[in-house]
Amino acid sequence: MHSQIGSYTIPKTPWDKRTCKICNLNAIEDETHFLFLCPLYKDIRQTYKNICNYSSIHEFLNQDNLNKLDDFIVQLNYVTNKHSNI
């Protein structure tokens, strides 16, 4: 995720330049963008809509259905790796 990677580049990447390289929203690629907003993952979120209906990352990560949460994150990573040249 660019919001984290930018902390380790030399020189450090300014926060406002740590944007998602996959979509065209010009948004900071942070956890919220990755899990809830990036259009690339719209279909996956639709498939897992029962676990994506949370208003915060804290609520999302503290849900009871950990197996489906794990499957959801695996699918997100698969699509990321497929569309990323990082």
C-alpha atoms as a PDB file:
ATOM      1  CA  MET A   1       0.000   0.000   0.000  1.00  0.00           C
ATOM      2  CA  HIS A   2       1.487   3.315  -1.057  1.00  0.00           C
ATOM      3  CA  SER A   3       0.455   5.091   2.146  1.00  0.00           C
ATOM      4  CA  GLN A   4       2.870   2.798   3.995  1.00  0.00           C
ATOM      5  CA  ILE A   5       5.566   2.257   1.352  1.00  0.00           C
ATOM      6  CA  GLY A   6       6.050   6.009   0.980  1.00  0.00           C
ATOM      7  CA  SER A   7       7.308   6.169   4.564  1.00  0.00           C
ATOM      8  CA  TYR A   8      10.291   4.025   3.633  1.00  0.00           C
ATOM      9  CA  THR A   9      11.367   5.575   0.347  1.00  0.00           C
ATOM     10  CA  ILE A  10      14.408   7.811   0.254  1.00  0.00           C
ATOM     11  CA  PRO A  11      13.510  10.578   0.223  1.00  0.00           C
ATOM     12  CA  LYS A  12      10.148   9.927   1.867  1.00  0.00           C
ATOM     13  CA  THR A  13       7.226  10.273  -0.519  1.00  0.00           C
ATOM     14  CA  PRO A  14       4.973  13.155   0.565  1.00  0.00           C
ATOM     15  CA  TRP A  15       1.625  11.949   1.878  1.00  0.00           C
ATOM     16  CA  ASP A  16      -0.337  13.608  -0.930  1.00  0.00           C
ATOM     17  CA  LYS A  17       1.757  11.741  -3.528  1.00  0.00           C
ATOM     18  CA  ARG A  18       1.044   8.282  -2.096  1.00  0.00           C
ATOM     19  CA  THR A  19      -1.855   7.731  -4.450  1.00  0.00           C
ATOM     20  CA  CYS A  20      -3.344   4.520  -5.771  1.00  0.00           C
ATOM     21  CA  LYS A  21      -1.570   3.499  -8.957  1.00  0.00           C
ATOM     22  CA  ILE A  22      -4.350   1.119  -9.964  1.00  0.00           C
ATOM     23  CA  CYS A  23      -7.380   3.399 -10.244  1.00  0.00           C
ATOM     24  CA  ASN A  24      -7.959   6.895 -11.574  1.00  0.00           C
ATOM     25  CA  LEU A  25      -9.436   8.469  -8.433  1.00  0.00           C
ATOM     26  CA  ASN A  26      -6.121  10.128  -7.524  1.00  0.00           C
ATOM     27  CA  ALA A  27      -6.818   9.052  -3.931  1.00  0.00           C
ATOM     28  CA  ILE A  28      -4.319   8.216  -1.219  1.00  0.00           C
ATOM     29  CA  GLU A  29      -3.877   4.456  -1.249  1.00  0.00           C
ATOM     30  CA  ASP A  30      -4.586   3.735   2.389  1.00  0.00           C
ATOM     31  CA  GLU A  31      -6.517   0.959   4.080  1.00  0.00           C
ATOM     32  CA  THR A  32      -9.887   2.652   3.600  1.00  0.00           C
ATOM     33  CA  HIS A  33      -9.278   3.172  -0.111  1.00  0.00           C
ATOM     34  CA  PHE A  34      -8.035  -0.396  -0.574  1.00  0.00           C
ATOM     35  CA  LEU A  35     -10.862  -2.085   1.322  1.00  0.00           C
ATOM     36  CA  PHE A  36     -13.864   0.127   0.599  1.00  0.00           C
ATOM     37  CA  LEU A  37     -13.322   2.614  -2.234  1.00  0.00           C
ATOM     38  CA  CYS A  38     -10.999   1.538  -5.059  1.00  0.00           C
ATOM     39  CA  PRO A  39     -13.155   0.793  -8.111  1.00  0.00           C
ATOM     40  CA  LEU A  40     -10.937  -2.129  -9.108  1.00  0.00           C
ATOM     41  CA  TYR A  41     -12.353  -4.152  -6.231  1.00  0.00           C
ATOM     42  CA  LYS A  42     -16.016  -3.260  -6.745  1.00  0.00           C
ATOM     43  CA  ASP A  43     -16.975  -6.762  -7.922  1.00  0.00           C
ATOM     44  CA  ILE A  44     -15.213  -8.410  -4.998  1.00  0.00           C
ATOM     45  CA  ARG A  45     -16.926  -6.067  -2.544  1.00  0.00           C
ATOM     46  CA  GLN A  46     -20.245  -6.934  -4.159  1.00  0.00           C
ATOM     47  CA  THR A  47     -19.538 -10.650  -3.765  1.00  0.00           C
ATOM     48  CA  TYR A  48     -18.666 -10.119  -0.098  1.00  0.00           C
ATOM     49  CA  LYS A  49     -21.208  -7.370   0.559  1.00  0.00           C
ATOM     50  CA  ASN A  50     -22.297  -8.964   3.830  1.00  0.00           C
ATOM     51  CA  ILE A  51     -18.840  -8.321   5.314  1.00  0.00           C
ATOM     52  CA  CYS A  52     -18.177  -4.974   3.614  1.00  0.00           C
ATOM     53  CA  ASN A  53     -21.067  -3.107   5.154  1.00  0.00           C
ATOM     54  CA  TYR A  54     -19.108  -1.312   7.863  1.00  0.00           C
ATOM     55  CA  SER A  55     -18.413   2.357   8.376  1.00  0.00           C
ATOM     56  CA  SER A  56     -14.933   1.983   9.819  1.00  0.00           C
ATOM     57  CA  ILE A  57     -11.921  -0.251   9.492  1.00  0.00           C
ATOM     58  CA  HIS A  58     -12.175  -1.024  13.205  1.00  0.00           C
ATOM     59  CA  GLU A  59     -15.693  -2.430  12.765  1.00  0.00           C
ATOM     60  CA  PHE A  60     -14.646  -4.259   9.607  1.00  0.00           C
ATOM     61  CA  LEU A  61     -11.721  -6.009  11.300  1.00  0.00           C
ATOM     62  CA  ASN A  62     -13.676  -6.877  14.444  1.00  0.00           C
ATOM     63  CA  GLN A  63     -16.449  -8.789  12.773  1.00  0.00           C
ATOM     64  CA  ASP A  64     -17.294 -12.375  13.702  1.00  0.00           C
ATOM     65  CA  ASN A  65     -16.986 -13.960  10.284  1.00  0.00           C
ATOM     66  CA  LEU A  66     -13.198 -14.259  10.068  1.00  0.00           C
ATOM     67  CA  ASN A  67     -13.165 -16.994   7.412  1.00  0.00           C
ATOM     68  CA  LYS A  68     -15.059 -14.819   4.943  1.00  0.00           C
ATOM     69  CA  LEU A  69     -12.933 -11.827   5.898  1.00  0.00           C
ATOM     70  CA  ASP A  70      -9.837 -13.864   5.106  1.00  0.00           C
ATOM     71  CA  ASP A  71     -11.287 -14.960   1.743  1.00  0.00           C
ATOM     72  CA  PHE A  72     -12.160 -11.353   0.924  1.00  0.00           C
ATOM     73  CA  ILE A  73      -8.635 -10.107   1.634  1.00  0.00           C
ATOM     74  CA  VAL A  74      -7.087 -12.973  -0.354  1.00  0.00           C
ATOM     75  CA  GLN A  75      -9.255 -12.000  -3.349  1.00  0.00           C
ATOM     76  CA  LEU A  76      -8.248  -8.338  -3.016  1.00  0.00           C
ATOM     77  CA  ASN A  77      -4.571  -9.294  -2.985  1.00  0.00           C
ATOM     78  CA  TYR A  78      -5.003 -11.550  -5.996  1.00  0.00           C
ATOM     79  CA  VAL A  79      -6.558  -8.748  -8.043  1.00  0.00           C
ATOM     80  CA  THR A  80      -3.920  -6.277  -6.817  1.00  0.00           C
ATOM     81  CA  ASN A  81      -1.085  -8.549  -7.893  1.00  0.00           C
ATOM     82  CA  LYS A  82      -2.759  -9.202 -11.234  1.00  0.00           C
ATOM     83  CA  HIS A  83      -3.106  -5.472 -12.017  1.00  0.00           C
ATOM     84  CA  SER A  84       0.019  -4.133 -10.394  1.00  0.00           C
ATOM     85  CA  ASN A  85       3.525  -3.892 -11.708  1.00  0.00           C
ATOM     86  CA  ILE A  86       4.989  -2.964  -8.331  1.00  0.00           C
END
